């Protein structure tokens, strides 16, 4: 039978990760962004695929944010 968890999530492995050229893992969250190339193409028509939301400019330096892949909620209380 089908598993509700399998239907809710789509797992695609990364093929390559390209970090920002100025990234430094010193814990200050500066330039902590990367591009992730997936092993296969995805369709944004699939309800399990969505966009990652980046923080706005008013974010405080040194503040922690959930990593991509964690469930977070937007201002309409919709899961992202």
PDB file of N, CA and C in Angstrom:
ATOM      1  N   UNK A   1       0.803  -1.180   0.000  1.00  0.00           N
ATOM      2  CA  UNK A   1       0.000   0.000   0.000  1.00  0.00           C
ATOM      3  C   UNK A   1       0.857   1.259   0.000  1.00  0.00           C
ATOM      4  N   UNK A   2       0.238   2.387  -0.183  1.00  0.00           N
ATOM      5  CA  UNK A   2       0.946   3.664  -0.182  1.00  0.00           C
ATOM      6  C   UNK A   2       1.130   4.163   1.238  1.00  0.00           C
ATOM      7  N   UNK A   3       2.229   4.785   1.468  1.00  0.00           N
ATOM      8  CA  UNK A   3       2.541   5.376   2.759  1.00  0.00           C
ATOM      9  C   UNK A   3       2.344   6.882   2.649  1.00  0.00           C
ATOM     10  N   UNK A   4       1.609   7.491   3.599  1.00  0.00           N
ATOM     11  CA  UNK A   4       1.326   8.933   3.549  1.00  0.00           C
ATOM     12  C   UNK A   4       2.606   9.756   3.559  1.00  0.00           C
ATOM     13  N   UNK A   5       3.626   9.281   4.263  1.00  0.00           N
ATOM     14  CA  UNK A   5       4.894  10.018   4.314  1.00  0.00           C
ATOM     15  C   UNK A   5       5.560  10.000   2.943  1.00  0.00           C
ATOM     16  N   UNK A   6       5.553   8.864   2.267  1.00  0.00           N
ATOM     17  CA  UNK A   6       6.157   8.778   0.942  1.00  0.00           C
ATOM     18  C   UNK A   6       5.448   9.705  -0.040  1.00  0.00           C
ATOM     19  N   UNK A   7       4.141   9.840   0.077  1.00  0.00           N
ATOM     20  CA  UNK A   7       3.390  10.693  -0.838  1.00  0.00           C
ATOM     21  C   UNK A   7       3.612  12.173  -0.547  1.00  0.00           C
ATOM     22  N   UNK A   8       3.906  12.518   0.703  1.00  0.00           N
ATOM     23  CA  UNK A   8       4.065  13.922   1.089  1.00  0.00           C
ATOM     24  C   UNK A   8       5.440  14.470   0.725  1.00  0.00           C
ATOM     25  N   UNK A   9       6.445  13.624   0.717  1.00  0.00           N
ATOM     26  CA  UNK A   9       7.814  14.067   0.475  1.00  0.00           C
ATOM     27  C   UNK A   9       8.382  13.428  -0.782  1.00  0.00           C
ATOM     28  N   UNK A  10       9.250  14.168  -1.435  1.00  0.00           N
ATOM     29  CA  UNK A  10       9.970  13.678  -2.602  1.00  0.00           C
ATOM     30  C   UNK A  10      11.451  13.801  -2.282  1.00  0.00           C
ATOM     31  N   UNK A  11      12.181  12.712  -2.369  1.00  0.00           N
ATOM     32  CA  UNK A  11      13.607  12.727  -2.049  1.00  0.00           C
ATOM     33  C   UNK A  11      14.403  12.651  -3.342  1.00  0.00           C
ATOM     34  N   UNK A  12      15.213  13.678  -3.590  1.00  0.00           N
ATOM     35  CA  UNK A  12      16.101  13.702  -4.751  1.00  0.00           C
ATOM     36  C   UNK A  12      17.487  14.053  -4.236  1.00  0.00           C
ATOM     37  N   UNK A  13      18.452  13.237  -4.559  1.00  0.00           N
ATOM     38  CA  UNK A  13      19.815  13.454  -4.072  1.00  0.00           C
ATOM     39  C   UNK A  13      20.497  14.593  -4.825  1.00  0.00           C
ATOM     40  N   UNK A  14      21.367  15.315  -4.127  1.00  0.00           N
ATOM     41  CA  UNK A  14      22.133  16.367  -4.811  1.00  0.00           C
ATOM     42  C   UNK A  14      23.228  15.763  -5.675  1.00  0.00           C
ATOM     43  N   UNK A  15      23.443  16.354  -6.829  1.00  0.00           N
ATOM     44  CA  UNK A  15      24.532  15.941  -7.712  1.00  0.00           C
ATOM     45  C   UNK A  15      25.792  16.745  -7.393  1.00  0.00           C
ATOM     46  N   UNK A  16      25.578  18.044  -7.085  1.00  0.00           N
ATOM     47  CA  UNK A  16      26.714  18.936  -6.843  1.00  0.00           C
ATOM     48  C   UNK A  16      26.242  20.105  -5.993  1.00  0.00           C
ATOM     49  N   UNK A  17      27.094  20.566  -5.086  1.00  0.00           N
ATOM     50  CA  UNK A  17      26.816  21.736  -4.256  1.00  0.00           C
ATOM     51  C   UNK A  17      27.905  22.772  -4.522  1.00  0.00           C
ATOM     52  N   UNK A  18      27.493  23.998  -4.852  1.00  0.00           N
ATOM     53  CA  UNK A  18      28.443  25.084  -5.114  1.00  0.00           C
ATOM     54  C   UNK A  18      28.215  26.161  -4.055  1.00  0.00           C
ATOM     55  N   UNK A  19      29.179  26.293  -3.136  1.00  0.00           N
ATOM     56  CA  UNK A  19      29.077  27.302  -2.081  1.00  0.00           C
ATOM     57  C   UNK A  19      29.524  28.665  -2.590  1.00  0.00           C
ATOM     58  N   UNK A  20      29.043  29.715  -1.937  1.00  0.00           N
ATOM     59  CA  UNK A  20      29.463  31.082  -2.243  1.00  0.00           C
ATOM     60  C   UNK A  20      30.977  31.156  -2.106  1.00  0.00           C
ATOM     61  N   UNK A  21      31.653  31.825  -3.041  1.00  0.00           N
ATOM     62  CA  UNK A  21      33.121  31.858  -3.042  1.00  0.00           C
ATOM     63  C   UNK A  21      33.704  32.505  -1.792  1.00  0.00           C
ATOM     64  N   UNK A  22      32.933  33.334  -1.089  1.00  0.00           N
ATOM     65  CA  UNK A  22      33.431  33.991   0.125  1.00  0.00           C
ATOM     66  C   UNK A  22      32.931  33.329   1.406  1.00  0.00           C
ATOM     67  N   UNK A  23      32.306  32.143   1.296  1.00  0.00           N
ATOM     68  CA  UNK A  23      31.783  31.462   2.485  1.00  0.00           C
ATOM     69  C   UNK A  23      32.921  31.049   3.413  1.00  0.00           C
ATOM     70  N   UNK A  24      32.701  31.255   4.709  1.00  0.00           N
ATOM     71  CA  UNK A  24      33.652  30.848   5.737  1.00  0.00           C
ATOM     72  C   UNK A  24      32.827  30.296   6.887  1.00  0.00           C
ATOM     73  N   UNK A  25      33.108  29.088   7.314  1.00  0.00           N
ATOM     74  CA  UNK A  25      32.310  28.443   8.355  1.00  0.00           C
ATOM     75  C   UNK A  25      32.690  28.907   9.756  1.00  0.00           C
ATOM     76  N   UNK A  26      32.921  30.199   9.942  1.00  0.00           N
ATOM     77  CA  UNK A  26      33.305  30.732  11.248  1.00  0.00           C
ATOM     78  C   UNK A  26      32.106  31.011  12.146  1.00  0.00           C
ATOM     79  N   UNK A  27      30.905  30.664  11.713  1.00  0.00           N
ATOM     80  CA  UNK A  27      29.716  30.812  12.536  1.00  0.00           C
ATOM     81  C   UNK A  27      29.041  32.162  12.470  1.00  0.00           C
ATOM     82  N   UNK A  28      29.480  33.065  11.596  1.00  0.00           N
ATOM     83  CA  UNK A  28      28.880  34.398  11.515  1.00  0.00           C
ATOM     84  C   UNK A  28      27.769  34.491  10.466  1.00  0.00           C
ATOM     85  N   UNK A  29      27.449  33.401   9.799  1.00  0.00           N
ATOM     86  CA  UNK A  29      26.369  33.357   8.806  1.00  0.00           C
ATOM     87  C   UNK A  29      26.532  34.392   7.700  1.00  0.00           C
ATOM     88  N   UNK A  30      27.753  34.634   7.277  1.00  0.00           N
ATOM     89  CA  UNK A  30      28.018  35.573   6.194  1.00  0.00           C
ATOM     90  C   UNK A  30      28.297  34.769   4.924  1.00  0.00           C
ATOM     91  N   UNK A  31      27.622  35.114   3.847  1.00  0.00           N
ATOM     92  CA  UNK A  31      27.762  34.412   2.561  1.00  0.00           C
ATOM     93  C   UNK A  31      27.408  32.929   2.690  1.00  0.00           C
ATOM     94  N   UNK A  32      26.504  32.587   3.607  1.00  0.00           N
ATOM     95  CA  UNK A  32      26.151  31.183   3.808  1.00  0.00           C
ATOM     96  C   UNK A  32      25.010  30.780   2.879  1.00  0.00           C
ATOM     97  N   UNK A  33      25.328  30.773   1.591  1.00  0.00           N
ATOM     98  CA  UNK A  33      24.360  30.396   0.568  1.00  0.00           C
ATOM     99  C   UNK A  33      25.066  29.506  -0.453  1.00  0.00           C
ATOM    100  N   UNK A  34      24.316  28.606  -1.055  1.00  0.00           N
ATOM    101  CA  UNK A  34      24.897  27.695  -2.034  1.00  0.00           C
ATOM    102  C   UNK A  34      23.850  27.356  -3.091  1.00  0.00           C
ATOM    103  N   UNK A  35      24.322  26.900  -4.222  1.00  0.00           N
ATOM    104  CA  UNK A  35      23.461  26.354  -5.265  1.00  0.00           C
ATOM    105  C   UNK A  35      23.558  24.842  -5.184  1.00  0.00           C
ATOM    106  N   UNK A  36      22.425  24.177  -5.321  1.00  0.00           N
ATOM    107  CA  UNK A  36      22.400  22.718  -5.263  1.00  0.00           C
ATOM    108  C   UNK A  36      21.864  22.205  -6.591  1.00  0.00           C
ATOM    109  N   UNK A  37      22.705  21.488  -7.317  1.00  0.00           N
ATOM    110  CA  UNK A  37      22.275  20.845  -8.563  1.00  0.00           C
ATOM    111  C   UNK A  37      21.767  19.458  -8.197  1.00  0.00           C
ATOM    112  N   UNK A  38      20.567  19.129  -8.637  1.00  0.00           N
ATOM    113  CA  UNK A  38      19.965  17.840  -8.307  1.00  0.00           C
ATOM    114  C   UNK A  38      20.342  16.777  -9.328  1.00  0.00           C
ATOM    115  N   UNK A  39      20.249  15.504  -8.915  1.00  0.00           N
ATOM    116  CA  UNK A  39      20.568  14.388  -9.813  1.00  0.00           C
ATOM    117  C   UNK A  39      19.569  14.255 -10.952  1.00  0.00           C
ATOM    118  N   UNK A  40      18.365  14.772 -10.759  1.00  0.00           N
ATOM    119  CA  UNK A  40      17.346  14.678 -11.803  1.00  0.00           C
ATOM    120  C   UNK A  40      16.545  15.970 -11.845  1.00  0.00           C
ATOM    121  N   UNK A  41      15.911  16.209 -12.973  1.00  0.00           N
ATOM    122  CA  UNK A  41      15.076  17.403 -13.133  1.00  0.00           C
ATOM    123  C   UNK A  41      13.814  17.267 -12.285  1.00  0.00           C
ATOM    124  N   UNK A  42      13.275  18.403 -11.845  1.00  0.00           N
ATOM    125  CA  UNK A  42      12.026  18.406 -11.090  1.00  0.00           C
ATOM    126  C   UNK A  42      11.012  19.293 -11.808  1.00  0.00           C
ATOM    127  N   UNK A  43       9.750  19.039 -11.536  1.00  0.00           N
ATOM    128  CA  UNK A  43       8.671  19.833 -12.119  1.00  0.00           C
ATOM    129  C   UNK A  43       7.986  20.616 -11.005  1.00  0.00           C
ATOM    130  N   UNK A  44       7.860  21.924 -11.183  1.00  0.00           N
ATOM    131  CA  UNK A  44       7.179  22.729 -10.173  1.00  0.00           C
ATOM    132  C   UNK A  44       5.668  22.519 -10.213  1.00  0.00           C
ATOM    133  N   UNK A  45       5.181  21.680 -11.129  1.00  0.00           N
ATOM    134  CA  UNK A  45       3.774  21.281 -11.128  1.00  0.00           C
ATOM    135  C   UNK A  45       3.511  20.201 -10.091  1.00  0.00           C
ATOM    136  N   UNK A  46       4.561  19.568  -9.587  1.00  0.00           N
ATOM    137  CA  UNK A  46       4.456  18.544  -8.548  1.00  0.00           C
ATOM    138  C   UNK A  46       4.233  19.257  -7.216  1.00  0.00           C
ATOM    139  N   UNK A  47       3.167  18.922  -6.511  1.00  0.00           N
ATOM    140  CA  UNK A  47       2.832  19.604  -5.255  1.00  0.00           C
ATOM    141  C   UNK A  47       3.886  19.395  -4.171  1.00  0.00           C
ATOM    142  N   UNK A  48       4.766  18.421  -4.339  1.00  0.00           N
ATOM    143  CA  UNK A  48       5.821  18.176  -3.344  1.00  0.00           C
ATOM    144  C   UNK A  48       7.047  19.052  -3.575  1.00  0.00           C
ATOM    145  N   UNK A  49       7.060  19.818  -4.667  1.00  0.00           N
ATOM    146  CA  UNK A  49       8.183  20.695  -4.996  1.00  0.00           C
ATOM    147  C   UNK A  49       7.785  22.129  -4.684  1.00  0.00           C
ATOM    148  N   UNK A  50       8.679  22.878  -4.062  1.00  0.00           N
ATOM    149  CA  UNK A  50       8.387  24.268  -3.736  1.00  0.00           C
ATOM    150  C   UNK A  50       9.643  25.107  -3.792  1.00  0.00           C
ATOM    151  N   UNK A  51       9.504  26.356  -3.455  1.00  0.00           N
ATOM    152  CA  UNK A  51      10.612  27.299  -3.462  1.00  0.00           C
ATOM    153  C   UNK A  51      11.153  27.472  -2.050  1.00  0.00           C
ATOM    154  N   UNK A  52      12.434  27.749  -1.947  1.00  0.00           N
ATOM    155  CA  UNK A  52      13.047  28.085  -0.660  1.00  0.00           C
ATOM    156  C   UNK A  52      12.939  29.591  -0.475  1.00  0.00           C
ATOM    157  N   UNK A  53      12.499  30.014   0.699  1.00  0.00           N
ATOM    158  CA  UNK A  53      12.365  31.447   0.985  1.00  0.00           C
ATOM    159  C   UNK A  53      13.597  31.934   1.734  1.00  0.00           C
ATOM    160  N   UNK A  54      14.232  32.962   1.215  1.00  0.00           N
ATOM    161  CA  UNK A  54      15.402  33.545   1.867  1.00  0.00           C
ATOM    162  C   UNK A  54      14.972  34.704   2.752  1.00  0.00           C
ATOM    163  N   UNK A  55      15.712  34.959   3.837  1.00  0.00           N
ATOM    164  CA  UNK A  55      15.352  36.067   4.726  1.00  0.00           C
ATOM    165  C   UNK A  55      15.485  37.414   4.033  1.00  0.00           C
ATOM    166  N   UNK A  56      14.759  38.390   4.543  1.00  0.00           N
ATOM    167  CA  UNK A  56      14.804  39.752   4.017  1.00  0.00           C
ATOM    168  C   UNK A  56      16.064  40.460   4.488  1.00  0.00           C
ATOM    169  N   UNK A  57      16.308  41.653   3.974  1.00  0.00           N
ATOM    170  CA  UNK A  57      17.512  42.416   4.307  1.00  0.00           C
ATOM    171  C   UNK A  57      17.632  42.792   5.772  1.00  0.00           C
ATOM    172  N   UNK A  58      16.534  42.849   6.517  1.00  0.00           N
ATOM    173  CA  UNK A  58      16.586  43.293   7.902  1.00  0.00           C
ATOM    174  C   UNK A  58      16.993  42.192   8.890  1.00  0.00           C
ATOM    175  N   UNK A  59      17.513  41.095   8.411  1.00  0.00           N
ATOM    176  CA  UNK A  59      17.932  39.991   9.271  1.00  0.00           C
ATOM    177  C   UNK A  59      19.152  40.408  10.090  1.00  0.00           C
ATOM    178  N   UNK A  60      19.155  40.026  11.358  1.00  0.00           N
ATOM    179  CA  UNK A  60      20.275  40.349  12.247  1.00  0.00           C
ATOM    180  C   UNK A  60      21.452  39.419  12.004  1.00  0.00           C
ATOM    181  N   UNK A  61      22.650  39.980  11.899  1.00  0.00           N
ATOM    182  CA  UNK A  61      23.860  39.172  11.729  1.00  0.00           C
ATOM    183  C   UNK A  61      24.030  38.256  12.937  1.00  0.00           C
ATOM    184  N   UNK A  62      24.426  37.032  12.700  1.00  0.00           N
ATOM    185  CA  UNK A  62      24.683  36.084  13.772  1.00  0.00           C
ATOM    186  C   UNK A  62      23.451  35.351  14.258  1.00  0.00           C
ATOM    187  N   UNK A  63      22.270  35.700  13.755  1.00  0.00           N
ATOM    188  CA  UNK A  63      21.044  35.034  14.167  1.00  0.00           C
ATOM    189  C   UNK A  63      20.920  33.714  13.416  1.00  0.00           C
ATOM    190  N   UNK A  64      20.405  32.689  14.066  1.00  0.00           N
ATOM    191  CA  UNK A  64      20.271  31.371  13.447  1.00  0.00           C
ATOM    192  C   UNK A  64      18.933  31.243  12.741  1.00  0.00           C
ATOM    193  N   UNK A  65      18.924  30.505  11.641  1.00  0.00           N
ATOM    194  CA  UNK A  65      17.717  30.257  10.867  1.00  0.00           C
ATOM    195  C   UNK A  65      17.665  28.778  10.536  1.00  0.00           C
ATOM    196  N   UNK A  66      16.445  28.222  10.350  1.00  0.00           N
ATOM    197  CA  UNK A  66      16.362  26.789  10.054  1.00  0.00           C
ATOM    198  C   UNK A  66      16.974  26.473   8.700  1.00  0.00           C
ATOM    199  N   UNK A  67      17.694  25.373   8.590  1.00  0.00           N
ATOM    200  CA  UNK A  67      18.276  24.999   7.293  1.00  0.00           C
ATOM    201  C   UNK A  67      17.197  24.580   6.307  1.00  0.00           C
ATOM    202  N   UNK A  68      17.512  24.657   5.030  1.00  0.00           N
ATOM    203  CA  UNK A  68      16.579  24.200   4.003  1.00  0.00           C
ATOM    204  C   UNK A  68      16.318  22.722   4.233  1.00  0.00           C
ATOM    205  N   UNK A  69      15.084  22.323   4.095  1.00  0.00           N
ATOM    206  CA  UNK A  69      14.701  20.944   4.346  1.00  0.00           C
ATOM    207  C   UNK A  69      13.909  20.809   5.629  1.00  0.00           C
ATOM    208  N   UNK A  70      14.044  21.770   6.543  1.00  0.00           N
ATOM    209  CA  UNK A  70      13.241  21.774   7.762  1.00  0.00           C
ATOM    210  C   UNK A  70      11.893  22.392   7.419  1.00  0.00           C
ATOM    211  N   UNK A  71      10.840  21.937   8.089  1.00  0.00           N
ATOM    212  CA  UNK A  71       9.537  22.541   7.872  1.00  0.00           C
ATOM    213  C   UNK A  71       9.496  23.896   8.555  1.00  0.00           C
ATOM    214  N   UNK A  72       9.178  24.926   7.810  1.00  0.00           N
ATOM    215  CA  UNK A  72       9.000  26.263   8.366  1.00  0.00           C
ATOM    216  C   UNK A  72       7.671  26.802   7.864  1.00  0.00           C
ATOM    217  N   UNK A  73       7.183  27.841   8.491  1.00  0.00           N
ATOM    218  CA  UNK A  73       5.884  28.390   8.137  1.00  0.00           C
ATOM    219  C   UNK A  73       6.022  29.841   7.719  1.00  0.00           C
ATOM    220  N   UNK A  74       5.252  30.246   6.701  1.00  0.00           N
ATOM    221  CA  UNK A  74       5.296  31.637   6.267  1.00  0.00           C
ATOM    222  C   UNK A  74       4.277  32.449   7.056  1.00  0.00           C
ATOM    223  N   UNK A  75       4.120  33.715   6.713  1.00  0.00           N
ATOM    224  CA  UNK A  75       3.229  34.582   7.482  1.00  0.00           C
ATOM    225  C   UNK A  75       1.755  34.237   7.322  1.00  0.00           C
ATOM    226  N   UNK A  76       1.408  33.369   6.390  1.00  0.00           N
ATOM    227  CA  UNK A  76       0.025  32.902   6.258  1.00  0.00           C
ATOM    228  C   UNK A  76      -0.159  31.562   6.963  1.00  0.00           C
ATOM    229  N   UNK A  77       0.850  31.143   7.734  1.00  0.00           N
ATOM    230  CA  UNK A  77       0.851  29.879   8.463  1.00  0.00           C
ATOM    231  C   UNK A  77       0.735  28.679   7.532  1.00  0.00           C
ATOM    232  N   UNK A  78       1.283  28.819   6.327  1.00  0.00           N
ATOM    233  CA  UNK A  78       1.333  27.710   5.384  1.00  0.00           C
ATOM    234  C   UNK A  78       2.713  27.092   5.455  1.00  0.00           C
ATOM    235  N   UNK A  79       2.756  25.765   5.431  1.00  0.00           N
ATOM    236  CA  UNK A  79       4.050  25.084   5.467  1.00  0.00           C
ATOM    237  C   UNK A  79       4.815  25.405   4.203  1.00  0.00           C
ATOM    238  N   UNK A  80       6.103  25.628   4.352  1.00  0.00           N
ATOM    239  CA  UNK A  80       6.961  25.940   3.205  1.00  0.00           C
ATOM    240  C   UNK A  80       7.849  24.760   2.907  1.00  0.00           C
TER     241      UNK A  80
END
